[in-house]
Amino acid sequence: TLPAGGYLVVFASAKDRRDPAGPLHANFQLSRAGEFLGLFSHELP
């Protein structure tokens, strides 16, 4: 849960760590040169 006014950092490290008790790491890495990046809602589609 992200509180009102709160921040959440997710590292794009390809480590795939989802334990909310520790730092979050996505399962992909980002290019320094730029690429697509998106935040998507929980609804399907």
PDB file of all heavy atoms in Angstrom:
ATOM      1  N   THR A   1       0.855  -1.181   0.000  1.00  0.00           N
ATOM      2  CA  THR A   1       0.000   0.000   0.000  1.00  0.00           C
ATOM      3  C   THR A   1       0.887   1.225   0.000  1.00  0.00           C
ATOM      4  O   THR A   1       1.790   1.350   0.823  1.00  0.00           O
ATOM      5  CB  THR A   1      -0.931   0.003   1.225  1.00  0.00           C
ATOM      6  OG1 THR A   1      -1.760  -1.168   1.154  1.00  0.00           O
ATOM      7  CG2 THR A   1      -1.803   1.242   1.250  1.00  0.00           C
ATOM      8  N   LEU A   2       0.621   2.104  -0.933  1.00  0.00           N
ATOM      9  CA  LEU A   2       1.371   3.349  -1.043  1.00  0.00           C
ATOM     10  C   LEU A   2       0.553   4.445  -0.378  1.00  0.00           C
ATOM     11  O   LEU A   2      -0.546   4.767  -0.840  1.00  0.00           O
ATOM     12  CB  LEU A   2       1.620   3.663  -2.516  1.00  0.00           C
ATOM     13  CG  LEU A   2       2.626   4.723  -2.876  1.00  0.00           C
ATOM     14  CD1 LEU A   2       3.974   4.478  -2.205  1.00  0.00           C
ATOM     15  CD2 LEU A   2       2.800   4.784  -4.382  1.00  0.00           C
ATOM     16  N   PRO A   3       1.033   4.988   0.742  1.00  0.00           N
ATOM     17  CA  PRO A   3       0.248   6.003   1.445  1.00  0.00           C
ATOM     18  C   PRO A   3       0.080   7.268   0.613  1.00  0.00           C
ATOM     19  O   PRO A   3       0.853   7.515  -0.317  1.00  0.00           O
ATOM     20  CB  PRO A   3       1.061   6.277   2.709  1.00  0.00           C
ATOM     21  CG  PRO A   3       2.435   5.803   2.417  1.00  0.00           C
ATOM     22  CD  PRO A   3       2.324   4.747   1.374  1.00  0.00           C
ATOM     23  N   ALA A   4      -0.909   8.060   0.942  1.00  0.00           N
ATOM     24  CA  ALA A   4      -1.098   9.347   0.272  1.00  0.00           C
ATOM     25  C   ALA A   4       0.197  10.135   0.361  1.00  0.00           C
ATOM     26  O   ALA A   4       0.803  10.237   1.431  1.00  0.00           O
ATOM     27  CB  ALA A   4      -2.233  10.118   0.936  1.00  0.00           C
ATOM     28  N   GLY A   5       0.657  10.632  -0.769  1.00  0.00           N
ATOM     29  CA  GLY A   5       1.898  11.390  -0.801  1.00  0.00           C
ATOM     30  C   GLY A   5       3.151  10.536  -0.737  1.00  0.00           C
ATOM     31  O   GLY A   5       4.257  11.066  -0.753  1.00  0.00           O
ATOM     32  N   GLY A   6       2.997   9.216  -0.671  1.00  0.00           N
ATOM     33  CA  GLY A   6       4.129   8.318  -0.494  1.00  0.00           C
ATOM     34  C   GLY A   6       4.859   7.974  -1.781  1.00  0.00           C
ATOM     35  O   GLY A   6       4.376   8.232  -2.883  1.00  0.00           O
ATOM     36  N   TYR A   7       6.036   7.381  -1.610  1.00  0.00           N
ATOM     37  CA  TYR A   7       6.903   6.990  -2.717  1.00  0.00           C
ATOM     38  C   TYR A   7       7.283   5.519  -2.575  1.00  0.00           C
ATOM     39  O   TYR A   7       7.384   5.010  -1.465  1.00  0.00           O
ATOM     40  CB  TYR A   7       8.194   7.810  -2.708  1.00  0.00           C
ATOM     41  CG  TYR A   7       7.968   9.291  -2.926  1.00  0.00           C
ATOM     42  CD1 TYR A   7       7.677  10.127  -1.859  1.00  0.00           C
ATOM     43  CD2 TYR A   7       8.047   9.830  -4.204  1.00  0.00           C
ATOM     44  CE1 TYR A   7       7.463  11.484  -2.058  1.00  0.00           C
ATOM     45  CE2 TYR A   7       7.841  11.191  -4.399  1.00  0.00           C
ATOM     46  CZ  TYR A   7       7.548  12.007  -3.332  1.00  0.00           C
ATOM     47  OH  TYR A   7       7.329  13.340  -3.523  1.00  0.00           O
ATOM     48  N   LEU A   8       7.516   4.873  -3.717  1.00  0.00           N
ATOM     49  CA  LEU A   8       7.978   3.497  -3.733  1.00  0.00           C
ATOM     50  C   LEU A   8       9.031   3.367  -4.818  1.00  0.00           C
ATOM     51  O   LEU A   8       8.786   3.730  -5.978  1.00  0.00           O
ATOM     52  CB  LEU A   8       6.826   2.529  -4.017  1.00  0.00           C
ATOM     53  CG  LEU A   8       7.219   1.054  -4.109  1.00  0.00           C
ATOM     54  CD1 LEU A   8       7.625   0.524  -2.727  1.00  0.00           C
ATOM     55  CD2 LEU A   8       6.083   0.237  -4.689  1.00  0.00           C
ATOM     56  N   VAL A   9      10.196   2.856  -4.461  1.00  0.00           N
ATOM     57  CA  VAL A   9      11.276   2.641  -5.414  1.00  0.00           C
ATOM     58  C   VAL A   9      11.308   1.165  -5.798  1.00  0.00           C
ATOM     59  O   VAL A   9      11.259   0.287  -4.932  1.00  0.00           O
ATOM     60  CB  VAL A   9      12.639   3.068  -4.821  1.00  0.00           C
ATOM     61  CG1 VAL A   9      13.785   2.710  -5.757  1.00  0.00           C
ATOM     62  CG2 VAL A   9      12.642   4.560  -4.508  1.00  0.00           C
ATOM     63  N   VAL A  10      11.389   0.903  -7.101  1.00  0.00           N
ATOM     64  CA  VAL A  10      11.545  -0.443  -7.642  1.00  0.00           C
ATOM     65  C   VAL A  10      12.793  -0.421  -8.519  1.00  0.00           C
ATOM     66  O   VAL A  10      12.882   0.379  -9.453  1.00  0.00           O
ATOM     67  CB  VAL A  10      10.326  -0.876  -8.487  1.00  0.00           C
ATOM     68  CG1 VAL A  10      10.554  -2.258  -9.083  1.00  0.00           C
ATOM     69  CG2 VAL A  10       9.049  -0.850  -7.656  1.00  0.00           C
ATOM     70  N   PHE A  11      13.749  -1.281  -8.207  1.00  0.00           N
ATOM     71  CA  PHE A  11      14.977  -1.364  -8.979  1.00  0.00           C
ATOM     72  C   PHE A  11      14.740  -2.229 -10.216  1.00  0.00           C
ATOM     73  O   PHE A  11      14.191  -3.317 -10.105  1.00  0.00           O
ATOM     74  CB  PHE A  11      16.108  -1.954  -8.139  1.00  0.00           C
ATOM     75  CG  PHE A  11      16.467  -1.097  -6.962  1.00  0.00           C
ATOM     76  CD1 PHE A  11      15.899  -1.329  -5.714  1.00  0.00           C
ATOM     77  CD2 PHE A  11      17.357  -0.047  -7.101  1.00  0.00           C
ATOM     78  CE1 PHE A  11      16.222  -0.537  -4.629  1.00  0.00           C
ATOM     79  CE2 PHE A  11      17.690   0.758  -6.020  1.00  0.00           C
ATOM     80  CZ  PHE A  11      17.112   0.511  -4.781  1.00  0.00           C
ATOM     81  N   ALA A  12      15.181  -1.759 -11.373  1.00  0.00           N
ATOM     82  CA  ALA A  12      15.088  -2.537 -12.615  1.00  0.00           C
ATOM     83  C   ALA A  12      16.402  -3.302 -12.770  1.00  0.00           C
ATOM     84  O   ALA A  12      17.254  -2.958 -13.564  1.00  0.00           O
ATOM     85  CB  ALA A  12      14.829  -1.623 -13.798  1.00  0.00           C
ATOM     86  N   SER A  13      16.538  -4.354 -11.979  1.00  0.00           N
ATOM     87  CA  SER A  13      17.803  -5.094 -11.867  1.00  0.00           C
ATOM     88  C   SER A  13      17.748  -6.499 -12.459  1.00  0.00           C
ATOM     89  O   SER A  13      18.757  -7.190 -12.473  1.00  0.00           O
ATOM     90  CB  SER A  13      18.176  -5.226 -10.391  1.00  0.00           C
ATOM     91  OG  SER A  13      17.209  -6.043  -9.737  1.00  0.00           O
ATOM     92  N   ALA A  14      16.566  -6.942 -12.887  1.00  0.00           N
ATOM     93  CA  ALA A  14      16.332  -8.306 -13.376  1.00  0.00           C
ATOM     94  C   ALA A  14      16.453  -9.351 -12.267  1.00  0.00           C
ATOM     95  O   ALA A  14      16.551 -10.537 -12.543  1.00  0.00           O
ATOM     96  CB  ALA A  14      17.253  -8.662 -14.547  1.00  0.00           C
ATOM     97  N   LYS A  15      16.413  -8.941 -10.994  1.00  0.00           N
ATOM     98  CA  LYS A  15      16.540  -9.888  -9.879  1.00  0.00           C
ATOM     99  C   LYS A  15      15.196 -10.480  -9.445  1.00  0.00           C
ATOM    100  O   LYS A  15      15.166 -11.454  -8.709  1.00  0.00           O
ATOM    101  CB  LYS A  15      17.210  -9.212  -8.685  1.00  0.00           C
ATOM    102  CG  LYS A  15      18.657  -8.837  -8.961  1.00  0.00           C
ATOM    103  CD  LYS A  15      19.290  -8.180  -7.769  1.00  0.00           C
ATOM    104  CE  LYS A  15      20.736  -7.807  -8.058  1.00  0.00           C
ATOM    105  NZ  LYS A  15      21.352  -7.090  -6.944  1.00  0.00           N
ATOM    106  N   ASP A  16      14.084  -9.873  -9.840  1.00  0.00           N
ATOM    107  CA  ASP A  16      12.738 -10.372  -9.541  1.00  0.00           C
ATOM    108  C   ASP A  16      12.522 -10.613  -8.046  1.00  0.00           C
ATOM    109  O   ASP A  16      12.249 -11.737  -7.623  1.00  0.00           O
ATOM    110  CB  ASP A  16      12.439 -11.632 -10.339  1.00  0.00           C
ATOM    111  CG  ASP A  16      10.948 -11.955 -10.351  1.00  0.00           C
ATOM    112  OD1 ASP A  16      10.135 -11.063 -10.022  1.00  0.00           O
ATOM    113  OD2 ASP A  16      10.581 -13.097 -10.690  1.00  0.00           O
ATOM    114  N   ARG A  17      12.630  -9.579  -7.268  1.00  0.00           N
ATOM    115  CA  ARG A  17      12.385  -9.659  -5.818  1.00  0.00           C
ATOM    116  C   ARG A  17      11.115  -8.894  -5.489  1.00  0.00           C
ATOM    117  O   ARG A  17      11.025  -7.699  -5.715  1.00  0.00           O
ATOM    118  CB  ARG A  17      13.573  -9.077  -5.053  1.00  0.00           C
ATOM    119  CG  ARG A  17      14.830  -9.891  -5.264  1.00  0.00           C
ATOM    120  CD  ARG A  17      15.983  -9.351  -4.475  1.00  0.00           C
ATOM    121  NE  ARG A  17      17.179 -10.149  -4.742  1.00  0.00           N
ATOM    122  CZ  ARG A  17      18.402  -9.727  -4.501  1.00  0.00           C
ATOM    123  NH1 ARG A  17      18.611  -8.533  -3.984  1.00  0.00           N
ATOM    124  NH2 ARG A  17      19.432 -10.500  -4.780  1.00  0.00           N
ATOM    125  N   ARG A  18      10.141  -9.612  -4.909  1.00  0.00           N
ATOM    126  CA  ARG A  18       8.822  -9.037  -4.631  1.00  0.00           C
ATOM    127  C   ARG A  18       8.459  -8.997  -3.154  1.00  0.00           C
ATOM    128  O   ARG A  18       7.326  -8.714  -2.810  1.00  0.00           O
ATOM    129  CB  ARG A  18       7.758  -9.849  -5.349  1.00  0.00           C
ATOM    130  CG  ARG A  18       7.915  -9.886  -6.827  1.00  0.00           C
ATOM    131  CD  ARG A  18       6.949 -10.906  -7.415  1.00  0.00           C
ATOM    132  NE  ARG A  18       7.401 -11.334  -8.711  1.00  0.00           N
ATOM    133  CZ  ARG A  18       6.753 -11.068  -9.827  1.00  0.00           C
ATOM    134  NH1 ARG A  18       5.638 -10.411  -9.800  1.00  0.00           N
ATOM    135  NH2 ARG A  18       7.236 -11.487 -10.961  1.00  0.00           N
ATOM    136  N   ASP A  19       9.380  -9.305  -2.289  1.00  0.00           N
ATOM    137  CA  ASP A  19       9.077  -9.306  -0.857  1.00  0.00           C
ATOM    138  C   ASP A  19       8.943  -7.863  -0.381  1.00  0.00           C
ATOM    139  O   ASP A  19       9.921  -7.121  -0.366  1.00  0.00           O
ATOM    140  CB  ASP A  19      10.193 -10.010  -0.086  1.00  0.00           C
ATOM    141  CG  ASP A  19       9.925 -10.097   1.404  1.00  0.00           C
ATOM    142  OD1 ASP A  19       8.928  -9.503   1.886  1.00  0.00           O
ATOM    143  OD2 ASP A  19      10.715 -10.755   2.092  1.00  0.00           O
ATOM    144  N   PRO A  20       7.733  -7.447   0.019  1.00  0.00           N
ATOM    145  CA  PRO A  20       7.536  -6.050   0.429  1.00  0.00           C
ATOM    146  C   PRO A  20       8.335  -5.648   1.669  1.00  0.00           C
ATOM    147  O   PRO A  20       8.472  -4.472   1.957  1.00  0.00           O
ATOM    148  CB  PRO A  20       6.039  -5.937   0.684  1.00  0.00           C
ATOM    149  CG  PRO A  20       5.476  -7.287   0.569  1.00  0.00           C
ATOM    150  CD  PRO A  20       6.515  -8.224   0.054  1.00  0.00           C
ATOM    151  N   ALA A  21       8.905  -6.632   2.365  1.00  0.00           N
ATOM    152  CA  ALA A  21       9.715  -6.313   3.546  1.00  0.00           C
ATOM    153  C   ALA A  21      11.119  -5.844   3.154  1.00  0.00           C
ATOM    154  O   ALA A  21      11.847  -5.307   3.984  1.00  0.00           O
ATOM    155  CB  ALA A  21       9.817  -7.532   4.457  1.00  0.00           C
ATOM    156  N   GLY A  22      11.491  -6.049   1.891  1.00  0.00           N
ATOM    157  CA  GLY A  22      12.822  -5.647   1.430  1.00  0.00           C
ATOM    158  C   GLY A  22      12.722  -4.799   0.187  1.00  0.00           C
ATOM    159  O   GLY A  22      11.634  -4.499  -0.296  1.00  0.00           O
ATOM    160  N   PRO A  23      13.876  -4.422  -0.370  1.00  0.00           N
ATOM    161  CA  PRO A  23      13.857  -3.653  -1.615  1.00  0.00           C
ATOM    162  C   PRO A  23      13.216  -4.470  -2.744  1.00  0.00           C
ATOM    163  O   PRO A  23      13.436  -5.669  -2.859  1.00  0.00           O
ATOM    164  CB  PRO A  23      15.341  -3.398  -1.906  1.00  0.00           C
ATOM    165  CG  PRO A  23      16.042  -3.610  -0.606  1.00  0.00           C
ATOM    166  CD  PRO A  23      15.235  -4.618   0.146  1.00  0.00           C
ATOM    167  N   LEU A  24      12.422  -3.805  -3.567  1.00  0.00           N
ATOM    168  CA  LEU A  24      11.747  -4.456  -4.682  1.00  0.00           C
ATOM    169  C   LEU A  24      12.622  -4.360  -5.928  1.00  0.00           C
ATOM    170  O   LEU A  24      13.199  -3.307  -6.212  1.00  0.00           O
ATOM    171  CB  LEU A  24      10.392  -3.798  -4.947  1.00  0.00           C
ATOM    172  CG  LEU A  24       9.401  -3.849  -3.792  1.00  0.00           C
ATOM    173  CD1 LEU A  24       8.134  -3.085  -4.141  1.00  0.00           C
ATOM    174  CD2 LEU A  24       9.081  -5.280  -3.409  1.00  0.00           C
ATOM    175  N   HIS A  25      12.712  -5.477  -6.660  1.00  0.00           N
ATOM    176  CA  HIS A  25      13.512  -5.542  -7.882  1.00  0.00           C
ATOM    177  C   HIS A  25      12.663  -6.174  -8.982  1.00  0.00           C
ATOM    178  O   HIS A  25      12.213  -7.309  -8.834  1.00  0.00           O
ATOM    179  CB  HIS A  25      14.766  -6.396  -7.671  1.00  0.00           C
ATOM    180  CG  HIS A  25      15.777  -5.781  -6.774  1.00  0.00           C
ATOM    181  ND1 HIS A  25      16.908  -5.172  -7.244  1.00  0.00           N
ATOM    182  CD2 HIS A  25      15.820  -5.677  -5.419  1.00  0.00           C
ATOM    183  CE1 HIS A  25      17.630  -4.718  -6.218  1.00  0.00           C
ATOM    184  NE2 HIS A  25      16.985  -5.019  -5.102  1.00  0.00           N
ATOM    185  N   ALA A  26      12.469  -5.449 -10.081  1.00  0.00           N
ATOM    186  CA  ALA A  26      11.717  -5.973 -11.220  1.00  0.00           C
ATOM    187  C   ALA A  26      12.526  -7.053 -11.928  1.00  0.00           C
ATOM    188  O   ALA A  26      13.740  -7.167 -11.735  1.00  0.00           O
ATOM    189  CB  ALA A  26      11.390  -4.846 -12.191  1.00  0.00           C
ATOM    190  N   ASN A  27      11.848  -7.832 -12.758  1.00  0.00           N
ATOM    191  CA  ASN A  27      12.490  -8.932 -13.476  1.00  0.00           C
ATOM    192  C   ASN A  27      13.064  -8.497 -14.824  1.00  0.00           C
ATOM    193  O   ASN A  27      13.299  -9.310 -15.699  1.00  0.00           O
ATOM    194  CB  ASN A  27      11.511 -10.093 -13.664  1.00  0.00           C
ATOM    195  CG  ASN A  27      10.299  -9.702 -14.484  1.00  0.00           C
ATOM    196  OD1 ASN A  27      10.123  -8.543 -14.847  1.00  0.00           O
ATOM    197  ND2 ASN A  27       9.448 -10.674 -14.767  1.00  0.00           N
ATOM    198  N   PHE A  28      13.285  -7.204 -14.998  1.00  0.00           N
ATOM    199  CA  PHE A  28      13.874  -6.694 -16.232  1.00  0.00           C
ATOM    200  C   PHE A  28      14.843  -5.565 -15.895  1.00  0.00           C
ATOM    201  O   PHE A  28      14.821  -5.032 -14.790  1.00  0.00           O
ATOM    202  CB  PHE A  28      12.799  -6.198 -17.207  1.00  0.00           C
ATOM    203  CG  PHE A  28      11.904  -5.110 -16.647  1.00  0.00           C
ATOM    204  CD1 PHE A  28      12.264  -3.765 -16.726  1.00  0.00           C
ATOM    205  CD2 PHE A  28      10.698  -5.422 -16.040  1.00  0.00           C
ATOM    206  CE1 PHE A  28      11.451  -2.772 -16.223  1.00  0.00           C
ATOM    207  CE2 PHE A  28       9.869  -4.438 -15.524  1.00  0.00           C
ATOM    208  CZ  PHE A  28      10.244  -3.102 -15.615  1.00  0.00           C
ATOM    209  N   GLN A  29      15.697  -5.246 -16.860  1.00  0.00           N
ATOM    210  CA  GLN A  29      16.626  -4.126 -16.725  1.00  0.00           C
ATOM    211  C   GLN A  29      16.270  -3.073 -17.764  1.00  0.00           C
ATOM    212  O   GLN A  29      15.655  -3.381 -18.784  1.00  0.00           O
ATOM    213  CB  GLN A  29      18.067  -4.589 -16.936  1.00  0.00           C
ATOM    214  CG  GLN A  29      18.551  -5.496 -15.831  1.00  0.00           C
ATOM    215  CD  GLN A  29      19.983  -5.944 -16.056  1.00  0.00           C
ATOM    216  OE1 GLN A  29      20.331  -6.410 -17.119  1.00  0.00           O
ATOM    217  NE2 GLN A  29      20.805  -5.802 -15.030  1.00  0.00           N
ATOM    218  N   LEU A  30      16.694  -1.841 -17.498  1.00  0.00           N
ATOM    219  CA  LEU A  30      16.418  -0.740 -18.416  1.00  0.00           C
ATOM    220  C   LEU A  30      17.698  -0.291 -19.109  1.00  0.00           C
ATOM    221  O   LEU A  30      18.770  -0.292 -18.515  1.00  0.00           O
ATOM    222  CB  LEU A  30      15.799   0.433 -17.657  1.00  0.00           C
ATOM    223  CG  LEU A  30      14.437   0.163 -17.033  1.00  0.00           C
ATOM    224  CD1 LEU A  30      13.988   1.356 -16.206  1.00  0.00           C
ATOM    225  CD2 LEU A  30      13.413  -0.166 -18.102  1.00  0.00           C
ATOM    226  N   SER A  31      17.538   0.133 -20.329  1.00  0.00           N
ATOM    227  CA  SER A  31      18.656   0.624 -21.124  1.00  0.00           C
ATOM    228  C   SER A  31      18.958   2.078 -20.784  1.00  0.00           C
ATOM    229  O   SER A  31      18.040   2.899 -20.659  1.00  0.00           O
ATOM    230  CB  SER A  31      18.315   0.519 -22.608  1.00  0.00           C
ATOM    231  OG  SER A  31      19.239   1.230 -23.390  1.00  0.00           O
ATOM    232  N   ARG A  32      20.219   2.398 -20.658  1.00  0.00           N
ATOM    233  CA  ARG A  32      20.624   3.783 -20.424  1.00  0.00           C
ATOM    234  C   ARG A  32      20.250   4.657 -21.621  1.00  0.00           C
ATOM    235  O   ARG A  32      19.990   5.850 -21.487  1.00  0.00           O
ATOM    236  CB  ARG A  32      22.126   3.837 -20.168  1.00  0.00           C
ATOM    237  CG  ARG A  32      22.631   5.208 -19.860  1.00  0.00           C
ATOM    238  CD  ARG A  32      24.122   5.195 -19.595  1.00  0.00           C
ATOM    239  NE  ARG A  32      24.572   6.544 -19.348  1.00  0.00           N
ATOM    240  CZ  ARG A  32      25.357   6.892 -18.365  1.00  0.00           C
ATOM    241  NH1 ARG A  32      25.816   5.987 -17.538  1.00  0.00           N
ATOM    242  NH2 ARG A  32      25.721   8.139 -18.216  1.00  0.00           N
ATOM    243  N   ALA A  33      20.203   4.057 -22.824  1.00  0.00           N
ATOM    244  CA  ALA A  33      19.901   4.795 -24.047  1.00  0.00           C
ATOM    245  C   ALA A  33      18.418   5.147 -24.180  1.00  0.00           C
ATOM    246  O   ALA A  33      18.054   5.997 -24.981  1.00  0.00           O
ATOM    247  CB  ALA A  33      20.341   3.991 -25.259  1.00  0.00           C
ATOM    248  N   GLY A  34      17.556   4.511 -23.387  1.00  0.00           N
ATOM    249  CA  GLY A  34      16.122   4.748 -23.454  1.00  0.00           C
ATOM    250  C   GLY A  34      15.396   3.580 -24.087  1.00  0.00           C
ATOM    251  O   GLY A  34      15.933   2.912 -24.970  1.00  0.00           O
ATOM    252  N   GLU A  35      14.190   3.326 -23.617  1.00  0.00           N
ATOM    253  CA  GLU A  35      13.329   2.270 -24.159  1.00  0.00           C
ATOM    254  C   GLU A  35      11.932   2.464 -23.594  1.00  0.00           C
ATOM    255  O   GLU A  35      11.698   3.335 -22.757  1.00  0.00           O
ATOM    256  CB  GLU A  35      13.861   0.879 -23.813  1.00  0.00           C
ATOM    257  CG  GLU A  35      13.859   0.566 -22.326  1.00  0.00           C
ATOM    258  CD  GLU A  35      14.367  -0.826 -22.011  1.00  0.00           C
ATOM    259  OE1 GLU A  35      13.666  -1.792 -22.340  1.00  0.00           O
ATOM    260  OE2 GLU A  35      15.450  -0.939 -21.420  1.00  0.00           O
ATOM    261  N   PHE A  36      11.012   1.635 -24.034  1.00  0.00           N
ATOM    262  CA  PHE A  36       9.646   1.687 -23.507  1.00  0.00           C
ATOM    263  C   PHE A  36       9.662   1.361 -22.014  1.00  0.00           C
ATOM    264  O   PHE A  36      10.413   0.500 -21.551  1.00  0.00           O
ATOM    265  CB  PHE A  36       8.764   0.663 -24.235  1.00  0.00           C
ATOM    266  CG  PHE A  36       7.373   0.589 -23.676  1.00  0.00           C
ATOM    267  CD1 PHE A  36       6.389   1.437 -24.137  1.00  0.00           C
ATOM    268  CD2 PHE A  36       7.062  -0.325 -22.681  1.00  0.00           C
ATOM    269  CE1 PHE A  36       5.107   1.383 -23.608  1.00  0.00           C
ATOM    270  CE2 PHE A  36       5.784  -0.390 -22.150  1.00  0.00           C
ATOM    271  CZ  PHE A  36       4.803   0.470 -22.611  1.00  0.00           C
ATOM    272  N   LEU A  37       8.817   2.048 -21.260  1.00  0.00           N
ATOM    273  CA  LEU A  37       8.597   1.737 -19.848  1.00  0.00           C
ATOM    274  C   LEU A  37       7.170   2.116 -19.505  1.00  0.00           C
ATOM    275  O   LEU A  37       6.717   3.212 -19.866  1.00  0.00           O
ATOM    276  CB  LEU A  37       9.571   2.504 -18.944  1.00  0.00           C
ATOM    277  CG  LEU A  37       9.377   2.319 -17.441  1.00  0.00           C
ATOM    278  CD1 LEU A  37       9.600   0.864 -17.026  1.00  0.00           C
ATOM    279  CD2 LEU A  37      10.318   3.241 -16.672  1.00  0.00           C
ATOM    280  N   GLY A  38       6.461   1.206 -18.848  1.00  0.00           N
ATOM    281  CA  GLY A  38       5.076   1.498 -18.525  1.00  0.00           C
ATOM    282  C   GLY A  38       4.646   0.973 -17.169  1.00  0.00           C
ATOM    283  O   GLY A  38       5.142  -0.044 -16.691  1.00  0.00           O
ATOM    284  N   LEU A  39       3.718   1.705 -16.558  1.00  0.00           N
ATOM    285  CA  LEU A  39       3.001   1.290 -15.354  1.00  0.00           C
ATOM    286  C   LEU A  39       1.595   0.950 -15.806  1.00  0.00           C
ATOM    287  O   LEU A  39       0.921   1.771 -16.452  1.00  0.00           O
ATOM    288  CB  LEU A  39       2.968   2.412 -14.314  1.00  0.00           C
ATOM    289  CG  LEU A  39       2.066   2.190 -13.102  1.00  0.00           C
ATOM    290  CD1 LEU A  39       2.597   1.044 -12.240  1.00  0.00           C
ATOM    291  CD2 LEU A  39       1.943   3.471 -12.288  1.00  0.00           C
ATOM    292  N   PHE A  40       1.147  -0.278 -15.483  1.00  0.00           N
ATOM    293  CA  PHE A  40      -0.142  -0.762 -15.950  1.00  0.00           C
ATOM    294  C   PHE A  40      -1.077  -1.067 -14.780  1.00  0.00           C
ATOM    295  O   PHE A  40      -0.645  -1.573 -13.746  1.00  0.00           O
ATOM    296  CB  PHE A  40       0.049  -2.032 -16.790  1.00  0.00           C
ATOM    297  CG  PHE A  40       0.756  -1.763 -18.082  1.00  0.00           C
ATOM    298  CD1 PHE A  40       2.135  -1.779 -18.148  1.00  0.00           C
ATOM    299  CD2 PHE A  40       0.033  -1.474 -19.224  1.00  0.00           C
ATOM    300  CE1 PHE A  40       2.795  -1.520 -19.337  1.00  0.00           C
ATOM    301  CE2 PHE A  40       0.683  -1.211 -20.424  1.00  0.00           C
ATOM    302  CZ  PHE A  40       2.065  -1.231 -20.482  1.00  0.00           C
ATOM    303  N   SER A  41      -2.354  -0.776 -14.984  1.00  0.00           N
ATOM    304  CA  SER A  41      -3.386  -0.998 -13.975  1.00  0.00           C
ATOM    305  C   SER A  41      -3.566  -2.483 -13.678  1.00  0.00           C
ATOM    306  O   SER A  41      -3.125  -3.336 -14.438  1.00  0.00           O
ATOM    307  CB  SER A  41      -4.716  -0.414 -14.450  1.00  0.00           C
ATOM    308  OG  SER A  41      -5.175  -1.152 -15.568  1.00  0.00           O
ATOM    309  N   HIS A  42      -4.255  -2.756 -12.580  1.00  0.00           N
ATOM    310  CA  HIS A  42      -4.493  -4.144 -12.173  1.00  0.00           C
ATOM    311  C   HIS A  42      -5.674  -4.781 -12.901  1.00  0.00           C
ATOM    312  O   HIS A  42      -5.830  -5.989 -12.888  1.00  0.00           O
ATOM    313  CB  HIS A  42      -4.704  -4.216 -10.658  1.00  0.00           C
ATOM    314  CG  HIS A  42      -5.930  -3.503 -10.193  1.00  0.00           C
ATOM    315  ND1 HIS A  42      -5.988  -2.133 -10.066  1.00  0.00           N
ATOM    316  CD2 HIS A  42      -7.146  -3.965  -9.848  1.00  0.00           C
ATOM    317  CE1 HIS A  42      -7.188  -1.789  -9.643  1.00  0.00           C
ATOM    318  NE2 HIS A  42      -7.908  -2.877  -9.502  1.00  0.00           N
ATOM    319  N   GLU A  43      -6.530  -3.978 -13.537  1.00  0.00           N
ATOM    320  CA  GLU A  43      -7.680  -4.539 -14.246  1.00  0.00           C
ATOM    321  C   GLU A  43      -7.234  -5.281 -15.496  1.00  0.00           C
ATOM    322  O   GLU A  43      -6.205  -4.978 -16.074  1.00  0.00           O
ATOM    323  CB  GLU A  43      -8.662  -3.430 -14.686  1.00  0.00           C
ATOM    324  CG  GLU A  43      -9.261  -2.628 -13.580  1.00  0.00           C
ATOM    325  CD  GLU A  43      -8.528  -1.304 -13.395  1.00  0.00           C
ATOM    326  OE1 GLU A  43      -7.657  -0.970 -14.220  1.00  0.00           O
ATOM    327  OE2 GLU A  43      -8.811  -0.627 -12.416  1.00  0.00           O
ATOM    328  N   LEU A  44      -8.047  -6.248 -15.907  1.00  0.00           N
ATOM    329  CA  LEU A  44      -7.788  -6.970 -17.149  1.00  0.00           C
ATOM    330  C   LEU A  44      -8.841  -6.584 -18.168  1.00  0.00           C
ATOM    331  O   LEU A  44     -10.025  -6.579 -17.822  1.00  0.00           O
ATOM    332  CB  LEU A  44      -7.790  -8.478 -16.900  1.00  0.00           C
ATOM    333  CG  LEU A  44      -6.689  -8.977 -15.972  1.00  0.00           C
ATOM    334  CD1 LEU A  44      -6.854 -10.469 -15.721  1.00  0.00           C
ATOM    335  CD2 LEU A  44      -5.309  -8.671 -16.528  1.00  0.00           C
ATOM    336  N   PRO A  45      -8.495  -6.266 -19.387  1.00  0.00           N
ATOM    337  CA  PRO A  45      -7.124  -6.166 -19.858  1.00  0.00           C
ATOM    338  C   PRO A  45      -6.424  -4.956 -19.230  1.00  0.00           C
ATOM    339  O   PRO A  45      -7.046  -3.943 -18.933  1.00  0.00           O
ATOM    340  CB  PRO A  45      -7.269  -6.005 -21.370  1.00  0.00           C
ATOM    341  CG  PRO A  45      -8.601  -5.367 -21.554  1.00  0.00           C
ATOM    342  CD  PRO A  45      -9.463  -5.888 -20.429  1.00  0.00           C
TER     343      PRO A  45
END
